[in-house]
Amino acid sequence: MADTMQFHLVSPERQLASLAVAEIQMPGADGDLTAMPGHAPLITTLRPGVVRVKGPEGEAAFLVTGGFAEIGADTASVLAELAKPVADASAADLDPLIEATTATATEASGAARDRADKQLADLKALRDMVAG
């Protein structure tokens, strides 16, 4: 088994990362997960949070507001709705998303309301982490 796997992070604007990494931590929709070389194939949606990678070149952290991750034994790709290095992120980056999600939650009911409330809580926690 290899010591690293190839990691790609892409947003609609650009490719943010293409790195050899030993570990990827990501905010999966059903809970946080860690992928390492040799991981079983998996496709999952992401919730707002931070993707962290560790590898021979050091560590990096990226803010994501959602998207998809495809993990294989020797590669992992994250297709993010919005992504940027945590070091470049600010609370103001998340305010428009929080406002839009608040409006969605107010108008929704049932399961749709529950999903919107969860996304709103995740976005607020992410904003607090970036601000703090």
Protein backbone atom coordinates (compact mmCIF):
# COMPACT_ATOMS: atom_id res chain seq x y z
CA MET A 1 0.00 0.00 0.00
CA ALA A 2 1.24 3.47 -0.89
CA ASP A 3 2.01 6.06 1.77
CA THR A 4 0.11 8.81 -0.06
CA MET A 5 -2.88 9.31 -2.30
CA GLN A 6 -3.60 12.07 -4.82
CA PHE A 7 -6.01 14.75 -3.56
CA HIS A 8 -7.83 17.23 -5.79
CA LEU A 9 -10.01 20.11 -4.59
CA VAL A 10 -12.01 21.95 -7.22
CA SER A 11 -14.52 24.79 -6.92
CA PRO A 12 -16.54 26.33 -9.76
CA GLU A 13 -13.93 29.10 -10.03
CA ARG A 14 -10.72 27.04 -10.06
CA GLN A 15 -8.70 24.10 -8.85
CA LEU A 16 -7.50 24.91 -5.35
CA ALA A 17 -5.32 21.90 -4.65
CA SER A 18 -3.68 18.92 -6.27
CA LEU A 19 -1.48 17.31 -3.64
CA ALA A 20 -0.03 13.98 -2.55
CA VAL A 21 -1.49 13.44 0.93
CA ALA A 22 -1.42 10.79 3.63
CA GLU A 23 -4.72 11.79 5.24
CA ILE A 24 -7.84 13.77 4.36
CA GLN A 25 -10.42 14.83 6.94
CA MET A 26 -13.71 16.09 5.55
CA PRO A 27 -17.19 17.08 6.72
CA GLY A 28 -19.38 14.36 5.19
CA ALA A 29 -23.12 14.90 5.17
CA ASP A 30 -23.57 11.94 7.53
CA GLY A 31 -20.62 12.84 9.74
CA ASP A 32 -16.94 13.67 9.61
CA LEU A 33 -14.73 11.16 7.85
CA THR A 34 -11.07 10.50 7.29
CA ALA A 35 -9.67 8.97 4.10
CA MET A 36 -6.21 7.47 3.79
CA PRO A 37 -4.45 5.50 1.05
CA GLY A 38 -6.23 2.20 0.46
CA HIS A 39 -9.65 3.59 1.44
CA ALA A 40 -12.66 1.70 0.11
CA PRO A 41 -14.43 3.49 -2.76
CA LEU A 42 -16.97 6.02 -1.52
CA ILE A 43 -19.00 8.90 -2.89
CA THR A 44 -20.56 11.27 -0.38
CA THR A 45 -22.06 14.72 -0.15
CA LEU A 46 -20.38 17.31 2.02
CA ARG A 47 -21.83 19.73 4.51
CA PRO A 48 -20.32 23.13 5.34
CA GLY A 49 -17.03 22.69 7.17
CA VAL A 50 -13.29 22.36 6.78
CA VAL A 51 -11.38 19.86 4.65
CA ARG A 52 -7.97 19.19 6.21
CA VAL A 53 -5.13 17.37 4.47
CA LYS A 54 -1.81 16.10 5.82
CA GLY A 55 1.05 14.93 3.67
CA PRO A 56 4.76 15.08 2.93
CA GLU A 57 4.46 18.79 2.04
CA GLY A 58 2.77 19.66 5.35
CA GLU A 59 -0.81 20.41 6.28
CA ALA A 60 -3.49 22.49 4.58
CA ALA A 61 -7.07 23.43 5.47
CA PHE A 62 -9.85 24.54 3.13
CA LEU A 63 -13.27 25.98 3.94
CA VAL A 64 -16.07 24.33 1.93
CA THR A 65 -19.78 25.15 1.97
CA GLY A 66 -20.90 21.81 0.56
CA GLY A 67 -20.36 19.66 -2.49
CA PHE A 68 -19.32 16.10 -3.21
CA ALA A 69 -16.33 13.89 -2.48
CA GLU A 70 -15.26 10.82 -4.41
CA ILE A 71 -12.74 8.65 -2.60
CA GLY A 72 -10.82 5.72 -4.01
CA ALA A 73 -7.82 3.65 -2.92
CA ASP A 74 -5.26 6.01 -4.44
CA THR A 75 -7.13 9.24 -5.16
CA ALA A 76 -9.74 11.55 -3.65
CA SER A 77 -11.55 14.41 -5.36
CA VAL A 78 -13.63 17.08 -3.69
CA LEU A 79 -15.98 19.13 -5.88
CA ALA A 80 -16.99 22.03 -3.66
CA GLU A 81 -19.80 24.55 -4.10
CA LEU A 82 -17.56 27.24 -2.60
CA ALA A 83 -14.02 26.62 -1.36
CA LYS A 84 -11.04 28.66 -0.24
CA PRO A 85 -8.03 28.22 1.99
CA VAL A 86 -9.05 28.76 5.61
CA ALA A 87 -6.25 31.33 5.93
CA ASP A 88 -7.94 33.43 3.20
CA ALA A 89 -11.50 33.06 4.53
CA SER A 90 -13.48 35.59 6.54
CA ALA A 91 -16.82 35.56 8.29
CA ALA A 92 -18.09 37.98 5.63
CA ASP A 93 -17.62 35.25 3.00
CA LEU A 94 -20.34 33.21 4.72
CA ASP A 95 -22.84 35.96 5.58
CA PRO A 96 -24.67 35.90 2.20
CA LEU A 97 -25.05 32.11 2.44
CA ILE A 98 -26.34 32.38 5.98
CA GLU A 99 -28.90 34.98 4.93
CA ALA A 100 -30.10 32.85 1.99
CA THR A 101 -30.29 29.70 4.12
CA THR A 102 -32.19 31.58 6.83
CA ALA A 103 -34.78 32.64 4.25
CA THR A 104 -35.04 29.07 2.95
CA ALA A 105 -35.49 27.69 6.47
CA THR A 106 -38.19 30.25 7.25
CA GLU A 107 -40.21 29.27 4.18
CA ALA A 108 -39.71 25.49 4.44
CA SER A 109 -41.59 22.90 6.45
CA GLY A 110 -41.14 19.29 7.47
CA ALA A 111 -37.99 17.50 6.29
CA ALA A 112 -36.97 20.44 4.09
CA ARG A 113 -37.06 22.71 7.16
CA ASP A 114 -34.93 20.22 9.10
CA ARG A 115 -32.31 20.12 6.32
CA ALA A 116 -32.24 23.91 6.06
CA ASP A 117 -31.93 24.28 9.84
CA LYS A 118 -29.02 21.81 9.88
CA GLN A 119 -27.26 23.61 7.03
CA LEU A 120 -27.81 26.94 8.79
CA ALA A 121 -26.30 25.58 12.01
CA ASP A 122 -23.28 24.23 10.07
CA LEU A 123 -22.77 27.55 8.27
CA LYS A 124 -22.98 29.53 11.52
CA ALA A 125 -20.49 27.20 13.22
CA LEU A 126 -18.16 27.58 10.24
CA ARG A 127 -18.49 31.38 10.36
CA ASP A 128 -17.71 31.36 14.10
CA MET A 129 -14.64 29.17 13.50
CA VAL A 130 -13.36 31.52 10.78
CA ALA A 131 -14.10 34.65 12.84
CA GLY A 132 -12.60 33.34 16.03
